[in-house]
Structures are given as structure tokens and as C-alpha cells.
């Protein structure tokens, strides 16, 4: 137990936790009628239960230390009312759960000066999406449907937002879902008619 607490003891006055476990959408892209119960449960265990358990135990420490803190949950645009993706029923539902968990935890933990926010990224250039990004059709989709006409990189797009949420300048920010997707989920973006 002492070795598990060692990182906690070195945090000083800044207590931050970022949850970002993800049973990625690429793992089981299936019609809801073909998805197995095990696949459903695994996705929820990873995306929602895992985030909740880590948040719970770190927030207990934050509360007991009486110094507040910042929790940043990484969700997905798939968990929003405007980012639905075919074949992603378990993934989308679990990420929607992360967003609701964020709001309820912000509501209940504010009395302990614990801020809880969520970042819902869209598609980013990364090691995970490298082969997808090389497909010509994806560039066409981005040019015709994404308002900023590009897909960003995690740094600086997500890291700069996380730094803000960690910083004291965001001490009045809690219970928010921040969408970082180059405008892809804006209402009215003509996805199918533009292709």
C-alpha cells in the first residue's frame, strides 16, 4: 500500500486525475443485434466502470486531503447527441455514461472543491488512427464535412485543453463536456449530402 501512495505524496498542492481508458470503437464495430453480451460488458467495464473506479478512489483521497482537485474524464464525440457512429452501440453508450458520470460527480463533489470535466474528442491523427488517416476517402470526408477541414493531433489540441482544466485559471469550471473535433459534430453539418 505504501508504494501505491508514493505518487500521491509527491503531488504537492496540485491534485489532478485524467481518466482515459478506452475499449476503442475499432475493437467491436458491430450491429447491435450481432454484438455479444461479453463484448458489451467488456466495453462498459473498460470505458465506464474503469473510469468510475479510478475517479472514486482518487476523489476519496482528494476529499480527505481537503485540498480539492481536478478530474478530467476522456470521453468521445460518440457519447454525445450529435456524434453517433453506426456499429458503435456499446462504445457510444459507455461514453455517454462517462459524460453523465462527469456531470453528476461535478454536482456532488463540488462541496469538496473537486472539479470534474470531460473532454470528448473527435477523430485525431495518432498511432491508433495512422492507417485510417492514410485512406483517401477520409480526406474527402474531412474536406467536405468538417468545418475546419482537417483532423488535428492530440498535442496541442487535447493537451492544451487539459492544461487549462488543470490550471487554477479554470477554478470556476466544472461539470462541462468539452468537444474537440474541428467542428465535426456541429448541427447542420451536411454529412451525407456533401459526399
N, C-alpha and C. Protein backbone atom coordinates (compact mmCIF):
# COMPACT_ATOMS: atom_id res chain seq x y z
N UNK A 1 0.82 -1.20 0.00
CA UNK A 1 0.00 0.00 0.00
C UNK A 1 0.86 1.26 0.00
N UNK A 2 1.99 1.23 0.71
CA UNK A 2 2.85 2.41 0.78
C UNK A 2 3.37 2.79 -0.60
N UNK A 3 3.72 1.81 -1.43
CA UNK A 3 4.22 2.12 -2.78
C UNK A 3 3.12 2.72 -3.65
N UNK A 4 1.86 2.35 -3.42
CA UNK A 4 0.76 2.91 -4.18
C UNK A 4 0.51 4.36 -3.79
N UNK A 5 0.82 4.73 -2.57
CA UNK A 5 0.59 6.09 -2.10
C UNK A 5 1.75 7.01 -2.41
N UNK A 6 2.91 6.47 -2.78
CA UNK A 6 4.08 7.30 -3.04
C UNK A 6 3.82 8.39 -4.07
N UNK A 7 3.22 8.09 -5.24
CA UNK A 7 2.95 9.17 -6.19
C UNK A 7 2.05 10.25 -5.59
N UNK A 8 1.08 9.84 -4.79
CA UNK A 8 0.18 10.80 -4.15
C UNK A 8 0.97 11.78 -3.28
N UNK A 9 1.92 11.28 -2.53
CA UNK A 9 2.69 12.12 -1.62
C UNK A 9 3.58 13.12 -2.33
N UNK A 10 3.84 12.93 -3.62
CA UNK A 10 4.69 13.85 -4.37
C UNK A 10 3.90 14.88 -5.18
N UNK A 11 2.60 14.88 -5.06
CA UNK A 11 1.79 15.77 -5.88
C UNK A 11 1.75 17.20 -5.35
N UNK A 12 2.09 17.41 -4.10
CA UNK A 12 2.04 18.76 -3.55
C UNK A 12 0.62 19.25 -3.47
N UNK A 13 0.41 20.53 -3.84
CA UNK A 13 -0.91 21.13 -3.73
C UNK A 13 -1.78 20.92 -4.96
N UNK A 14 -1.22 20.43 -6.04
CA UNK A 14 -1.96 20.26 -7.28
C UNK A 14 -2.36 18.79 -7.42
N UNK A 15 -3.64 18.52 -7.28
CA UNK A 15 -4.12 17.15 -7.40
C UNK A 15 -5.01 17.06 -8.63
N UNK A 16 -4.56 16.25 -9.59
CA UNK A 16 -5.24 16.13 -10.87
C UNK A 16 -5.34 14.66 -11.23
N UNK A 17 -6.45 14.29 -11.85
CA UNK A 17 -6.58 12.94 -12.35
C UNK A 17 -7.22 12.99 -13.73
N UNK A 18 -6.63 12.29 -14.67
CA UNK A 18 -7.19 12.17 -16.02
C UNK A 18 -7.51 10.70 -16.25
N UNK A 19 -8.78 10.41 -16.53
CA UNK A 19 -9.15 9.04 -16.88
C UNK A 19 -9.29 8.97 -18.38
N UNK A 20 -8.76 7.93 -18.97
CA UNK A 20 -8.84 7.86 -20.42
C UNK A 20 -8.87 6.46 -20.97
N UNK A 21 -9.27 5.50 -20.17
CA UNK A 21 -9.35 4.12 -20.66
C UNK A 21 -10.36 4.06 -21.79
N UNK A 22 -10.05 3.28 -22.79
CA UNK A 22 -10.99 3.17 -23.89
C UNK A 22 -10.92 1.81 -24.55
N UNK A 23 -12.06 1.14 -24.54
CA UNK A 23 -12.22 -0.04 -25.38
C UNK A 23 -12.65 0.54 -26.71
N UNK A 24 -11.68 0.88 -27.53
CA UNK A 24 -11.89 1.65 -28.75
C UNK A 24 -13.00 1.15 -29.64
N UNK A 25 -13.52 2.07 -30.41
CA UNK A 25 -14.62 1.74 -31.31
C UNK A 25 -14.18 0.72 -32.34
N UNK A 26 -12.91 0.69 -32.66
CA UNK A 26 -12.42 -0.26 -33.67
C UNK A 26 -12.44 -1.70 -33.16
N UNK A 27 -12.53 -1.88 -31.86
CA UNK A 27 -12.48 -3.21 -31.30
C UNK A 27 -13.69 -4.04 -31.70
N UNK A 28 -14.88 -3.49 -31.62
CA UNK A 28 -16.07 -4.28 -31.95
C UNK A 28 -17.10 -3.41 -32.66
N UNK A 29 -16.87 -3.14 -33.92
CA UNK A 29 -17.83 -2.40 -34.74
C UNK A 29 -18.83 -3.43 -35.25
N UNK A 30 -19.98 -3.44 -34.59
CA UNK A 30 -20.98 -4.46 -34.92
C UNK A 30 -22.38 -3.88 -34.81
N UNK A 31 -23.25 -4.46 -35.57
CA UNK A 31 -24.67 -4.18 -35.47
C UNK A 31 -25.11 -4.57 -34.06
N UNK A 32 -26.02 -3.83 -33.45
CA UNK A 32 -26.43 -4.16 -32.07
C UNK A 32 -26.99 -5.57 -31.92
N UNK A 33 -27.50 -6.15 -33.00
CA UNK A 33 -28.04 -7.49 -32.92
C UNK A 33 -26.96 -8.56 -32.98
N UNK A 34 -25.77 -8.19 -33.45
CA UNK A 34 -24.64 -9.13 -33.54
C UNK A 34 -23.66 -9.00 -32.38
N UNK A 35 -23.74 -7.92 -31.63
CA UNK A 35 -22.85 -7.69 -30.50
C UNK A 35 -23.14 -8.69 -29.39
N UNK A 36 -22.12 -9.31 -28.85
CA UNK A 36 -22.34 -10.28 -27.78
C UNK A 36 -22.42 -9.56 -26.43
N UNK A 37 -22.99 -10.24 -25.48
CA UNK A 37 -23.08 -9.68 -24.13
C UNK A 37 -21.68 -9.48 -23.54
N UNK A 38 -20.76 -10.39 -23.83
CA UNK A 38 -19.38 -10.24 -23.35
C UNK A 38 -18.72 -9.00 -23.94
N UNK A 39 -18.93 -8.74 -25.23
CA UNK A 39 -18.37 -7.54 -25.86
C UNK A 39 -18.96 -6.28 -25.24
N UNK A 40 -20.27 -6.29 -25.01
CA UNK A 40 -20.94 -5.17 -24.36
C UNK A 40 -20.34 -4.93 -22.97
N UNK A 41 -20.26 -5.99 -22.17
CA UNK A 41 -19.75 -5.86 -20.80
C UNK A 41 -18.30 -5.42 -20.77
N UNK A 42 -17.47 -5.94 -21.67
CA UNK A 42 -16.06 -5.55 -21.71
C UNK A 42 -15.92 -4.06 -22.03
N UNK A 43 -16.70 -3.59 -22.96
CA UNK A 43 -16.65 -2.16 -23.33
C UNK A 43 -17.06 -1.29 -22.14
N UNK A 44 -18.13 -1.67 -21.46
CA UNK A 44 -18.58 -0.90 -20.30
C UNK A 44 -17.59 -1.00 -19.14
N UNK A 45 -17.02 -2.18 -18.91
CA UNK A 45 -16.03 -2.33 -17.84
C UNK A 45 -14.83 -1.41 -18.08
N UNK A 46 -14.38 -1.36 -19.31
CA UNK A 46 -13.21 -0.55 -19.63
C UNK A 46 -13.54 0.94 -19.60
N UNK A 47 -14.55 1.34 -20.36
CA UNK A 47 -14.82 2.76 -20.56
C UNK A 47 -15.51 3.44 -19.38
N UNK A 48 -16.48 2.79 -18.80
CA UNK A 48 -17.27 3.44 -17.76
C UNK A 48 -16.89 2.98 -16.36
N UNK A 49 -16.92 1.69 -16.12
CA UNK A 49 -16.60 1.20 -14.77
C UNK A 49 -15.16 1.55 -14.40
N UNK A 50 -14.23 1.37 -15.33
CA UNK A 50 -12.83 1.70 -15.05
C UNK A 50 -12.65 3.17 -14.69
N UNK A 51 -13.28 4.05 -15.46
CA UNK A 51 -13.19 5.49 -15.17
C UNK A 51 -13.81 5.81 -13.82
N UNK A 52 -14.93 5.18 -13.51
CA UNK A 52 -15.59 5.44 -12.23
C UNK A 52 -14.73 4.96 -11.06
N UNK A 53 -14.19 3.75 -11.16
CA UNK A 53 -13.40 3.23 -10.04
C UNK A 53 -12.16 4.08 -9.76
N UNK A 54 -11.45 4.45 -10.82
CA UNK A 54 -10.27 5.30 -10.63
C UNK A 54 -10.69 6.64 -10.04
N UNK A 55 -11.73 7.24 -10.61
CA UNK A 55 -12.23 8.53 -10.10
C UNK A 55 -12.62 8.43 -8.63
N UNK A 56 -13.35 7.39 -8.32
CA UNK A 56 -13.83 7.22 -6.94
C UNK A 56 -12.67 7.20 -5.95
N UNK A 57 -11.67 6.37 -6.22
CA UNK A 57 -10.59 6.21 -5.25
C UNK A 57 -9.68 7.44 -5.17
N UNK A 58 -9.44 8.09 -6.29
CA UNK A 58 -8.63 9.31 -6.24
C UNK A 58 -9.42 10.44 -5.58
N UNK A 59 -10.71 10.54 -5.86
CA UNK A 59 -11.53 11.60 -5.26
C UNK A 59 -11.69 11.41 -3.76
N UNK A 60 -11.68 10.18 -3.29
CA UNK A 60 -11.70 9.95 -1.84
C UNK A 60 -10.45 10.57 -1.23
N UNK A 61 -9.30 10.36 -1.89
CA UNK A 61 -8.05 10.95 -1.40
C UNK A 61 -8.10 12.48 -1.48
N UNK A 62 -8.65 13.01 -2.56
CA UNK A 62 -8.78 14.46 -2.69
C UNK A 62 -9.64 15.02 -1.56
N UNK A 63 -10.76 14.37 -1.32
CA UNK A 63 -11.68 14.82 -0.25
C UNK A 63 -11.00 14.78 1.11
N UNK A 64 -10.34 13.66 1.41
CA UNK A 64 -9.71 13.51 2.71
C UNK A 64 -8.54 14.47 2.91
N UNK A 65 -7.87 14.84 1.82
CA UNK A 65 -6.75 15.79 1.91
C UNK A 65 -7.24 17.22 2.05
N UNK A 66 -8.52 17.45 1.79
CA UNK A 66 -9.14 18.77 1.90
C UNK A 66 -8.40 19.84 1.08
N UNK A 67 -7.95 19.46 -0.10
CA UNK A 67 -7.28 20.45 -0.95
C UNK A 67 -7.89 20.54 -2.34
N UNK A 68 -9.02 19.85 -2.55
CA UNK A 68 -9.68 19.91 -3.84
C UNK A 68 -8.89 19.20 -4.91
N UNK A 69 -9.24 19.49 -6.15
CA UNK A 69 -8.54 18.87 -7.26
C UNK A 69 -9.34 18.97 -8.54
N UNK A 70 -8.79 18.40 -9.59
CA UNK A 70 -9.42 18.43 -10.90
C UNK A 70 -9.42 17.03 -11.50
N UNK A 71 -10.59 16.58 -11.90
CA UNK A 71 -10.75 15.30 -12.58
C UNK A 71 -11.11 15.60 -14.03
N UNK A 72 -10.38 15.00 -14.95
CA UNK A 72 -10.66 15.17 -16.37
C UNK A 72 -10.91 13.78 -16.95
N UNK A 73 -12.15 13.54 -17.36
CA UNK A 73 -12.50 12.28 -18.00
C UNK A 73 -12.40 12.44 -19.51
N UNK A 74 -11.79 11.47 -20.16
CA UNK A 74 -11.74 11.49 -21.62
C UNK A 74 -12.88 10.62 -22.13
N UNK A 75 -13.77 11.25 -22.86
CA UNK A 75 -14.94 10.56 -23.40
C UNK A 75 -14.76 10.45 -24.91
N UNK A 76 -15.78 10.81 -25.68
CA UNK A 76 -15.73 10.73 -27.14
C UNK A 76 -16.93 11.46 -27.71
N UNK A 77 -16.79 11.95 -28.92
CA UNK A 77 -17.97 12.54 -29.57
C UNK A 77 -19.04 11.48 -29.80
N UNK A 78 -18.65 10.22 -29.78
CA UNK A 78 -19.63 9.13 -29.95
C UNK A 78 -20.62 9.10 -28.78
N UNK A 79 -20.26 9.68 -27.64
CA UNK A 79 -21.14 9.70 -26.48
C UNK A 79 -22.04 10.92 -26.42
N UNK A 80 -22.02 11.75 -27.44
CA UNK A 80 -22.84 12.96 -27.47
C UNK A 80 -24.10 12.73 -28.29
N UNK A 81 -25.01 13.68 -28.24
CA UNK A 81 -26.25 13.58 -29.02
C UNK A 81 -26.02 13.82 -30.50
N UNK A 82 -24.80 14.15 -30.90
CA UNK A 82 -24.57 14.51 -32.30
C UNK A 82 -23.41 13.76 -32.93
N UNK A 83 -22.87 12.77 -32.28
CA UNK A 83 -21.71 12.08 -32.83
C UNK A 83 -21.91 10.59 -32.99
N UNK A 84 -23.12 10.17 -33.30
CA UNK A 84 -23.42 8.74 -33.38
C UNK A 84 -22.75 8.08 -34.57
N UNK A 85 -22.19 6.93 -34.33
CA UNK A 85 -21.49 6.19 -35.37
C UNK A 85 -22.11 4.80 -35.51
N UNK A 86 -22.46 4.41 -36.72
CA UNK A 86 -23.03 3.06 -36.91
C UNK A 86 -22.05 2.00 -36.41
N UNK A 87 -22.58 0.97 -35.77
CA UNK A 87 -21.76 -0.12 -35.28
C UNK A 87 -21.10 0.14 -33.94
N UNK A 88 -21.53 1.18 -33.26
CA UNK A 88 -20.85 1.56 -32.01
C UNK A 88 -21.78 1.63 -30.82
N UNK A 89 -22.81 0.79 -30.78
CA UNK A 89 -23.80 0.91 -29.71
C UNK A 89 -23.18 0.82 -28.32
N UNK A 90 -22.32 -0.14 -28.08
CA UNK A 90 -21.72 -0.30 -26.75
C UNK A 90 -20.74 0.84 -26.46
N UNK A 91 -19.89 1.15 -27.43
CA UNK A 91 -18.91 2.22 -27.25
C UNK A 91 -19.61 3.55 -26.99
N UNK A 92 -20.59 3.89 -27.84
CA UNK A 92 -21.30 5.16 -27.70
C UNK A 92 -22.06 5.25 -26.37
N UNK A 93 -22.73 4.18 -26.00
CA UNK A 93 -23.49 4.17 -24.75
C UNK A 93 -22.55 4.31 -23.55
N UNK A 94 -21.39 3.64 -23.60
CA UNK A 94 -20.45 3.73 -22.47
C UNK A 94 -19.85 5.13 -22.37
N UNK A 95 -19.58 5.77 -23.50
CA UNK A 95 -19.02 7.13 -23.47
C UNK A 95 -20.08 8.16 -23.06
N UNK A 96 -21.35 7.92 -23.42
CA UNK A 96 -22.43 8.77 -22.93
C UNK A 96 -22.51 8.64 -21.41
N UNK A 97 -22.30 7.43 -20.91
CA UNK A 97 -22.26 7.20 -19.46
C UNK A 97 -21.13 7.97 -18.79
N UNK A 98 -19.97 8.04 -19.44
CA UNK A 98 -18.85 8.82 -18.90
C UNK A 98 -19.24 10.29 -18.79
N UNK A 99 -19.95 10.81 -19.80
CA UNK A 99 -20.38 12.21 -19.75
C UNK A 99 -21.37 12.48 -18.63
N UNK A 100 -22.33 11.59 -18.44
CA UNK A 100 -23.30 11.75 -17.35
C UNK A 100 -22.60 11.60 -16.00
N UNK A 101 -21.70 10.64 -15.88
CA UNK A 101 -20.93 10.46 -14.66
C UNK A 101 -20.16 11.74 -14.33
N UNK A 102 -19.59 12.37 -15.34
CA UNK A 102 -18.86 13.62 -15.16
C UNK A 102 -19.75 14.68 -14.54
N UNK A 103 -20.94 14.85 -15.09
CA UNK A 103 -21.85 15.89 -14.60
C UNK A 103 -22.32 15.62 -13.17
N UNK A 104 -22.68 14.38 -12.89
CA UNK A 104 -23.18 14.05 -11.55
C UNK A 104 -22.05 14.15 -10.52
N UNK A 105 -20.85 13.70 -10.87
CA UNK A 105 -19.72 13.82 -9.95
C UNK A 105 -19.39 15.29 -9.69
N UNK A 106 -19.47 16.13 -10.73
CA UNK A 106 -19.23 17.56 -10.55
C UNK A 106 -20.25 18.15 -9.58
N UNK A 107 -21.49 17.75 -9.73
CA UNK A 107 -22.57 18.23 -8.87
C UNK A 107 -22.34 17.81 -7.42
N UNK A 108 -21.92 16.58 -7.21
CA UNK A 108 -21.80 16.05 -5.85
C UNK A 108 -20.45 16.33 -5.19
N UNK A 109 -19.39 16.52 -5.97
CA UNK A 109 -18.07 16.70 -5.38
C UNK A 109 -17.64 18.16 -5.29
N UNK A 110 -18.44 19.06 -5.84
CA UNK A 110 -18.12 20.49 -5.76
C UNK A 110 -17.94 20.97 -4.33
N UNK A 111 -18.69 20.42 -3.40
CA UNK A 111 -18.59 20.83 -2.00
C UNK A 111 -17.21 20.51 -1.42
N UNK A 112 -16.47 19.64 -2.08
CA UNK A 112 -15.10 19.30 -1.64
C UNK A 112 -14.05 20.02 -2.49
N UNK A 113 -14.52 20.99 -3.29
CA UNK A 113 -13.65 21.74 -4.20
C UNK A 113 -12.97 20.84 -5.23
N UNK A 114 -13.68 19.79 -5.61
CA UNK A 114 -13.21 18.90 -6.66
C UNK A 114 -13.98 19.24 -7.93
N UNK A 115 -13.26 19.64 -8.95
CA UNK A 115 -13.86 19.97 -10.25
C UNK A 115 -13.79 18.73 -11.14
N UNK A 116 -14.87 18.47 -11.87
CA UNK A 116 -14.92 17.31 -12.75
C UNK A 116 -15.42 17.77 -14.11
N UNK A 117 -14.61 17.53 -15.14
CA UNK A 117 -14.96 17.89 -16.51
C UNK A 117 -14.62 16.72 -17.42
N UNK A 118 -15.14 16.79 -18.63
CA UNK A 118 -14.88 15.73 -19.61
C UNK A 118 -14.46 16.36 -20.94
N UNK A 119 -13.56 15.68 -21.62
CA UNK A 119 -13.17 16.07 -22.97
C UNK A 119 -13.69 14.99 -23.92
N UNK A 120 -14.44 15.42 -24.93
CA UNK A 120 -14.98 14.49 -25.93
C UNK A 120 -14.30 14.77 -27.27
N UNK A 121 -13.22 14.03 -27.54
CA UNK A 121 -12.52 14.27 -28.81
C UNK A 121 -13.21 13.58 -29.98
N UNK A 122 -12.98 14.15 -31.15
CA UNK A 122 -13.37 13.51 -32.39
C UNK A 122 -12.21 12.68 -32.89
N UNK A 123 -12.10 12.54 -34.18
CA UNK A 123 -11.03 11.76 -34.78
C UNK A 123 -9.75 12.59 -34.83
N UNK A 124 -8.66 12.02 -34.35
CA UNK A 124 -7.36 12.69 -34.31
C UNK A 124 -6.32 11.84 -34.99
N UNK A 125 -5.29 12.50 -35.50
CA UNK A 125 -4.14 11.79 -36.02
C UNK A 125 -3.36 11.23 -34.84
N UNK A 126 -3.15 9.92 -34.83
CA UNK A 126 -2.40 9.29 -33.74
C UNK A 126 -1.90 7.93 -34.23
N UNK A 127 -1.16 7.26 -33.39
CA UNK A 127 -0.69 5.91 -33.74
C UNK A 127 -1.86 4.98 -33.99
N UNK A 128 -2.92 5.13 -33.20
CA UNK A 128 -4.08 4.25 -33.32
C UNK A 128 -4.80 4.46 -34.65
N UNK A 129 -4.86 5.72 -35.12
CA UNK A 129 -5.62 6.02 -36.33
C UNK A 129 -4.73 6.17 -37.57
N UNK A 130 -3.45 5.85 -37.45
CA UNK A 130 -2.49 6.08 -38.54
C UNK A 130 -2.93 5.45 -39.87
N UNK A 131 -3.33 4.18 -39.85
CA UNK A 131 -3.72 3.53 -41.11
C UNK A 131 -5.03 4.11 -41.64
N UNK A 132 -5.93 4.49 -40.76
CA UNK A 132 -7.19 5.11 -41.18
C UNK A 132 -6.93 6.45 -41.85
N UNK A 133 -6.03 7.23 -41.30
CA UNK A 133 -5.73 8.57 -41.83
C UNK A 133 -5.11 8.52 -43.23
N UNK A 134 -4.58 7.40 -43.63
CA UNK A 134 -3.95 7.28 -44.95
C UNK A 134 -4.95 6.98 -46.05
N UNK A 135 -6.20 6.79 -45.69
CA UNK A 135 -7.22 6.47 -46.69
C UNK A 135 -7.73 7.75 -47.35
N UNK A 136 -7.78 7.73 -48.67
CA UNK A 136 -8.19 8.92 -49.44
C UNK A 136 -9.60 9.37 -49.10
N UNK A 137 -10.52 8.41 -48.90
CA UNK A 137 -11.90 8.78 -48.64
C UNK A 137 -12.05 9.60 -47.36
N UNK A 138 -11.16 9.36 -46.39
CA UNK A 138 -11.26 10.12 -45.14
C UNK A 138 -10.91 11.59 -45.36
N UNK A 139 -9.92 11.84 -46.19
CA UNK A 139 -9.58 13.23 -46.53
C UNK A 139 -10.76 13.91 -47.22
N UNK A 140 -11.45 13.18 -48.09
CA UNK A 140 -12.62 13.71 -48.77
C UNK A 140 -13.72 14.05 -47.77
N UNK A 141 -13.94 13.16 -46.82
CA UNK A 141 -14.94 13.41 -45.78
C UNK A 141 -14.57 14.66 -45.00
N UNK A 142 -13.31 14.77 -44.60
CA UNK A 142 -12.88 15.93 -43.82
C UNK A 142 -13.06 17.22 -44.61
N UNK A 143 -12.66 17.21 -45.88
CA UNK A 143 -12.75 18.41 -46.69
C UNK A 143 -14.19 18.84 -46.94
N UNK A 144 -15.12 17.87 -46.97
CA UNK A 144 -16.50 18.21 -47.29
C UNK A 144 -17.42 18.35 -46.08
N UNK A 145 -17.05 17.79 -44.94
CA UNK A 145 -17.99 17.80 -43.81
C UNK A 145 -17.45 18.44 -42.54
N UNK A 146 -16.16 18.51 -42.36
CA UNK A 146 -15.59 19.06 -41.13
C UNK A 146 -15.31 20.54 -41.35
N UNK A 147 -15.95 21.42 -40.57
CA UNK A 147 -15.79 22.86 -40.80
C UNK A 147 -14.34 23.35 -40.86
N UNK A 148 -13.46 22.80 -40.04
CA UNK A 148 -12.06 23.24 -40.08
C UNK A 148 -11.24 22.49 -41.13
N UNK A 149 -11.87 21.57 -41.85
CA UNK A 149 -11.28 20.87 -43.00
C UNK A 149 -10.03 20.06 -42.69
N UNK A 150 -9.90 19.59 -41.47
CA UNK A 150 -8.71 18.83 -41.10
C UNK A 150 -8.99 17.97 -39.88
N UNK A 151 -8.08 17.07 -39.62
CA UNK A 151 -8.08 16.31 -38.37
C UNK A 151 -6.83 16.73 -37.61
N UNK A 152 -6.98 17.04 -36.35
CA UNK A 152 -5.87 17.54 -35.56
C UNK A 152 -5.02 16.44 -34.96
N UNK A 153 -4.03 16.89 -34.20
CA UNK A 153 -3.18 15.98 -33.44
C UNK A 153 -3.50 16.17 -31.96
N UNK A 154 -3.24 15.14 -31.20
CA UNK A 154 -3.57 15.18 -29.77
C UNK A 154 -2.85 16.34 -29.09
N UNK A 155 -1.60 16.56 -29.46
CA UNK A 155 -0.85 17.69 -28.93
C UNK A 155 -0.64 18.68 -30.07
N UNK A 156 -1.26 19.83 -30.00
CA UNK A 156 -1.72 20.55 -28.83
C UNK A 156 -3.23 20.53 -28.59
N UNK A 157 -4.02 19.97 -29.48
CA UNK A 157 -5.48 20.13 -29.39
C UNK A 157 -6.05 19.66 -28.06
N UNK A 158 -5.71 18.45 -27.64
CA UNK A 158 -6.24 17.94 -26.37
C UNK A 158 -5.38 18.35 -25.18
N UNK A 159 -4.07 18.33 -25.36
CA UNK A 159 -3.19 18.63 -24.23
C UNK A 159 -3.33 20.07 -23.75
N UNK A 160 -3.56 21.01 -24.66
CA UNK A 160 -3.72 22.40 -24.22
C UNK A 160 -5.00 22.58 -23.42
N UNK A 161 -6.06 21.89 -23.81
CA UNK A 161 -7.32 21.95 -23.04
C UNK A 161 -7.13 21.29 -21.67
N UNK A 162 -6.45 20.16 -21.63
CA UNK A 162 -6.18 19.51 -20.34
C UNK A 162 -5.36 20.42 -19.44
N UNK A 163 -4.35 21.08 -20.01
CA UNK A 163 -3.53 22.01 -19.19
C UNK A 163 -4.40 23.12 -18.61
N UNK A 164 -5.33 23.64 -19.41
CA UNK A 164 -6.24 24.67 -18.91
C UNK A 164 -7.09 24.13 -17.76
N UNK A 165 -7.64 22.93 -17.92
CA UNK A 165 -8.51 22.37 -16.88
C UNK A 165 -7.74 22.04 -15.61
N UNK A 166 -6.46 21.81 -15.73
CA UNK A 166 -5.61 21.56 -14.56
C UNK A 166 -5.27 22.88 -13.86
N UNK A 167 -5.09 23.92 -14.64
CA UNK A 167 -4.60 25.20 -14.13
C UNK A 167 -5.63 25.89 -13.23
N UNK A 168 -5.14 26.71 -12.32
CA UNK A 168 -6.01 27.45 -11.41
C UNK A 168 -6.96 28.41 -12.14
N UNK A 169 -6.62 28.81 -13.36
CA UNK A 169 -7.49 29.72 -14.10
C UNK A 169 -8.83 29.07 -14.44
N UNK A 170 -8.94 27.76 -14.29
CA UNK A 170 -10.22 27.08 -14.55
C UNK A 170 -10.93 26.71 -13.25
N UNK A 171 -10.59 27.38 -12.17
CA UNK A 171 -11.18 27.02 -10.86
C UNK A 171 -12.69 27.21 -10.81
N UNK A 172 -13.27 27.91 -11.77
CA UNK A 172 -14.71 28.15 -11.82
C UNK A 172 -15.38 27.26 -12.87
N UNK A 173 -14.66 26.26 -13.37
CA UNK A 173 -15.15 25.42 -14.46
C UNK A 173 -15.33 23.99 -13.95
N UNK A 174 -16.57 23.52 -13.95
CA UNK A 174 -16.85 22.16 -13.52
C UNK A 174 -18.15 21.68 -14.14
N UNK A 175 -18.21 20.39 -14.42
CA UNK A 175 -19.43 19.78 -14.96
C UNK A 175 -19.62 19.99 -16.45
N UNK A 176 -18.55 20.30 -17.16
CA UNK A 176 -18.65 20.58 -18.59
C UNK A 176 -18.12 19.44 -19.44
N UNK A 177 -18.70 19.33 -20.63
CA UNK A 177 -18.24 18.38 -21.64
C UNK A 177 -17.64 19.23 -22.75
N UNK A 178 -16.32 19.18 -22.90
CA UNK A 178 -15.63 19.96 -23.91
C UNK A 178 -15.46 19.12 -25.18
N UNK A 179 -15.98 19.63 -26.29
CA UNK A 179 -15.90 18.93 -27.56
C UNK A 179 -14.71 19.46 -28.34
N UNK A 180 -13.83 18.55 -28.76
CA UNK A 180 -12.65 18.93 -29.52
C UNK A 180 -12.66 18.08 -30.79
N UNK A 181 -13.25 18.63 -31.88
CA UNK A 181 -13.46 17.81 -33.08
C UNK A 181 -13.42 18.59 -34.38
N UNK A 182 -12.81 19.77 -34.39
CA UNK A 182 -12.72 20.61 -35.59
C UNK A 182 -14.10 21.00 -36.12
N UNK A 183 -15.12 20.92 -35.27
CA UNK A 183 -16.48 21.30 -35.66
C UNK A 183 -17.29 20.18 -36.29
N UNK A 184 -16.77 18.96 -36.27
CA UNK A 184 -17.42 17.84 -36.97
C UNK A 184 -18.83 17.54 -36.46
N UNK A 185 -19.11 17.82 -35.20
CA UNK A 185 -20.42 17.48 -34.65
C UNK A 185 -21.38 18.68 -34.60
N UNK A 186 -21.00 19.77 -35.23
CA UNK A 186 -21.91 20.92 -35.24
C UNK A 186 -23.22 20.56 -35.92
N UNK A 187 -24.34 21.00 -35.35
CA UNK A 187 -25.62 20.73 -36.02
C UNK A 187 -25.64 21.37 -37.40
N UNK A 188 -26.20 20.65 -38.34
CA UNK A 188 -26.34 21.21 -39.67
C UNK A 188 -25.19 20.87 -40.60
N UNK A 189 -24.16 20.21 -40.11
CA UNK A 189 -23.08 19.81 -41.00
C UNK A 189 -23.65 18.75 -41.94
N UNK A 190 -23.67 19.00 -43.23
CA UNK A 190 -24.30 18.08 -44.19
C UNK A 190 -23.41 16.89 -44.52
N UNK A 191 -23.47 15.86 -43.70
CA UNK A 191 -22.55 14.75 -43.87
C UNK A 191 -22.82 13.97 -45.16
N UNK A 192 -24.00 13.45 -45.34
CA UNK A 192 -24.23 12.58 -46.47
C UNK A 192 -24.47 13.35 -47.78
N UNK A 193 -25.12 14.49 -47.70
CA UNK A 193 -25.42 15.22 -48.93
C UNK A 193 -24.19 15.84 -49.55
N UNK A 194 -23.10 15.97 -48.80
CA UNK A 194 -21.89 16.61 -49.31
C UNK A 194 -20.92 15.65 -49.95
N UNK A 195 -21.13 14.38 -49.80
CA UNK A 195 -20.12 13.42 -50.27
C UNK A 195 -20.28 13.07 -51.73
